[in-house]
Amino acid sequence: MGMGRRTLLALALALPMLAGCDLILPPVPTPTPTTPPAPLGGPPVQCEGVPASACAMFRDSWREDPRIDPHLVDSVVVRCVVVRCDEADGEVRVFVILPDGRRLETTGGAYAEAPAPATEPT
């Protein structure tokens, strides 16, 4: 066996071992969390950087937009538009994705949890 064949053989044996490493195959990006379709049916909703509870508050708000035919909506994206959205507060924008790939901004807004009731001093 010549030097070239040994090198090829070594590579052929090493590549399957390296395939599990990031050296050969880049890591697969984690998918954006998607909530199931709205209770009324309808398109899937992606929550981008928004907790599920806040996403649920805005998931159907696009239906109020008179420009949008609900039958032509492929999916809905609820996206955080501030540095951080968490259970306590945040601000979101809602986008509708149409069959041709266009993304229309429809609604959005800020949310905050209700303040805790005041306690009386004892």
Protein backbone atom coordinates (compact mmCIF):
# COMPACT_ATOMS: atom_id res chain seq x y z
CA MET A 1 0.00 0.00 0.00
CA GLY A 2 1.43 3.38 -1.00
CA MET A 3 1.43 6.51 1.15
CA GLY A 4 -1.56 7.99 -0.77
CA ARG A 5 -3.71 4.93 -0.16
CA ARG A 6 -2.85 4.88 3.56
CA THR A 7 -3.84 8.52 3.86
CA LEU A 8 -7.15 7.87 2.10
CA LEU A 9 -7.80 4.84 4.27
CA ALA A 10 -7.04 6.84 7.44
CA LEU A 11 -9.40 9.61 6.31
CA ALA A 12 -12.11 7.12 5.42
CA LEU A 13 -11.88 5.65 8.93
CA ALA A 14 -11.59 9.01 10.71
CA LEU A 15 -14.47 10.85 8.99
CA PRO A 16 -17.27 8.75 10.52
CA MET A 17 -15.76 9.33 13.97
CA LEU A 18 -15.53 13.09 13.38
CA ALA A 19 -19.04 13.32 11.93
CA GLY A 20 -20.49 13.68 15.42
CA CYS A 21 -18.27 16.68 16.10
CA ASP A 22 -18.89 20.25 15.03
CA LEU A 23 -15.69 20.06 13.00
CA ILE A 24 -17.45 18.35 10.10
CA LEU A 25 -21.15 19.04 10.53
CA PRO A 26 -22.41 22.37 11.84
CA PRO A 27 -24.84 22.19 14.75
CA VAL A 28 -28.50 22.09 13.83
CA PRO A 29 -30.23 25.31 14.93
CA THR A 30 -32.97 24.85 17.47
CA PRO A 31 -36.39 25.51 15.97
CA THR A 32 -38.46 28.46 17.04
CA PRO A 33 -41.04 27.27 19.55
CA THR A 34 -44.41 26.94 17.86
CA THR A 35 -47.66 26.77 19.70
CA PRO A 36 -50.47 24.59 18.37
CA PRO A 37 -53.14 26.22 16.20
CA ALA A 38 -55.53 28.55 17.96
CA PRO A 39 -58.58 26.96 19.61
CA LEU A 40 -60.74 28.30 16.77
CA GLY A 41 -58.50 26.54 14.31
CA GLY A 42 -56.30 28.65 12.15
CA PRO A 43 -52.65 28.96 11.35
CA PRO A 44 -49.76 27.85 13.55
CA VAL A 45 -48.26 30.55 15.76
CA GLN A 46 -44.52 31.04 16.35
CA CYS A 47 -43.49 32.76 19.58
CA GLU A 48 -40.12 34.44 19.09
CA GLY A 49 -38.60 35.44 22.42
CA VAL A 50 -42.03 35.65 24.03
CA PRO A 51 -43.26 33.41 26.86
CA ALA A 52 -46.17 31.17 25.95
CA SER A 53 -48.56 33.05 28.25
CA ALA A 54 -47.85 36.39 26.56
CA CYS A 55 -47.89 34.79 23.12
CA ALA A 56 -51.35 33.40 23.85
CA MET A 57 -52.62 36.92 24.63
CA PHE A 58 -51.64 38.19 21.17
CA ARG A 59 -51.96 35.08 18.98
CA ASP A 60 -55.34 36.03 17.51
CA SER A 61 -55.05 39.82 17.60
CA TRP A 62 -54.27 39.89 13.85
CA ARG A 63 -57.88 38.87 13.17
CA GLU A 64 -58.93 42.46 13.97
CA ASP A 65 -56.93 43.78 10.99
CA PRO A 66 -59.38 44.42 8.10
CA ARG A 67 -56.57 44.10 5.51
CA ILE A 68 -56.11 40.40 6.18
CA ASP A 69 -58.21 37.58 4.81
CA PRO A 70 -57.97 34.83 7.46
CA HIS A 71 -58.13 32.15 4.75
CA LEU A 72 -54.86 33.43 3.25
CA VAL A 73 -52.72 33.30 6.39
CA ASP A 74 -50.01 30.62 6.41
CA SER A 75 -48.69 31.36 9.89
CA VAL A 76 -48.48 33.99 12.61
CA VAL A 77 -45.35 35.24 14.39
CA VAL A 78 -45.50 36.93 17.80
CA ARG A 79 -42.08 38.57 18.29
CA CYS A 80 -40.53 40.32 21.28
CA VAL A 81 -39.40 43.82 20.24
CA VAL A 82 -37.67 44.95 23.43
CA VAL A 83 -34.47 43.76 25.06
CA ARG A 84 -36.30 41.16 27.12
CA CYS A 85 -39.80 39.74 27.26
CA ASP A 86 -40.66 37.56 30.23
CA GLU A 87 -43.72 36.50 32.18
CA ALA A 88 -43.82 39.83 34.03
CA ASP A 89 -43.69 42.26 31.10
CA GLY A 90 -42.60 42.90 27.55
CA GLU A 91 -43.63 44.32 24.22
CA VAL A 92 -44.50 42.36 21.10
CA ARG A 93 -45.39 42.81 17.44
CA VAL A 94 -47.57 40.38 15.56
CA PHE A 95 -46.75 39.45 11.97
CA VAL A 96 -48.85 37.45 9.53
CA ILE A 97 -47.06 35.33 6.94
CA LEU A 98 -48.91 35.06 3.63
CA PRO A 99 -48.64 32.20 1.12
CA ASP A 100 -46.24 34.18 -1.10
CA GLY A 101 -43.88 34.68 1.86
CA ARG A 102 -44.76 38.31 2.55
CA ARG A 103 -44.71 39.30 6.22
CA LEU A 104 -47.27 41.88 7.29
CA GLU A 105 -47.09 43.62 10.65
CA THR A 106 -50.60 43.67 12.05
CA THR A 107 -50.82 44.42 15.76
CA GLY A 108 -48.81 44.34 18.91
CA GLY A 109 -48.48 45.98 22.23
CA ALA A 110 -47.05 45.91 25.70
CA TYR A 111 -48.12 43.60 28.48
CA ALA A 112 -47.48 43.45 32.21
CA GLU A 113 -48.70 41.24 34.99
CA ALA A 114 -51.19 42.76 37.37
CA PRO A 115 -49.59 44.38 40.38
CA ALA A 116 -49.86 42.48 43.63
CA PRO A 117 -52.66 43.69 45.88
CA ALA A 118 -51.52 46.14 48.54
CA THR A 119 -51.32 44.77 52.02
CA GLU A 120 -52.45 46.81 54.95
CA PRO A 121 -49.85 47.51 57.63
CA THR A 122 -50.56 45.74 60.88
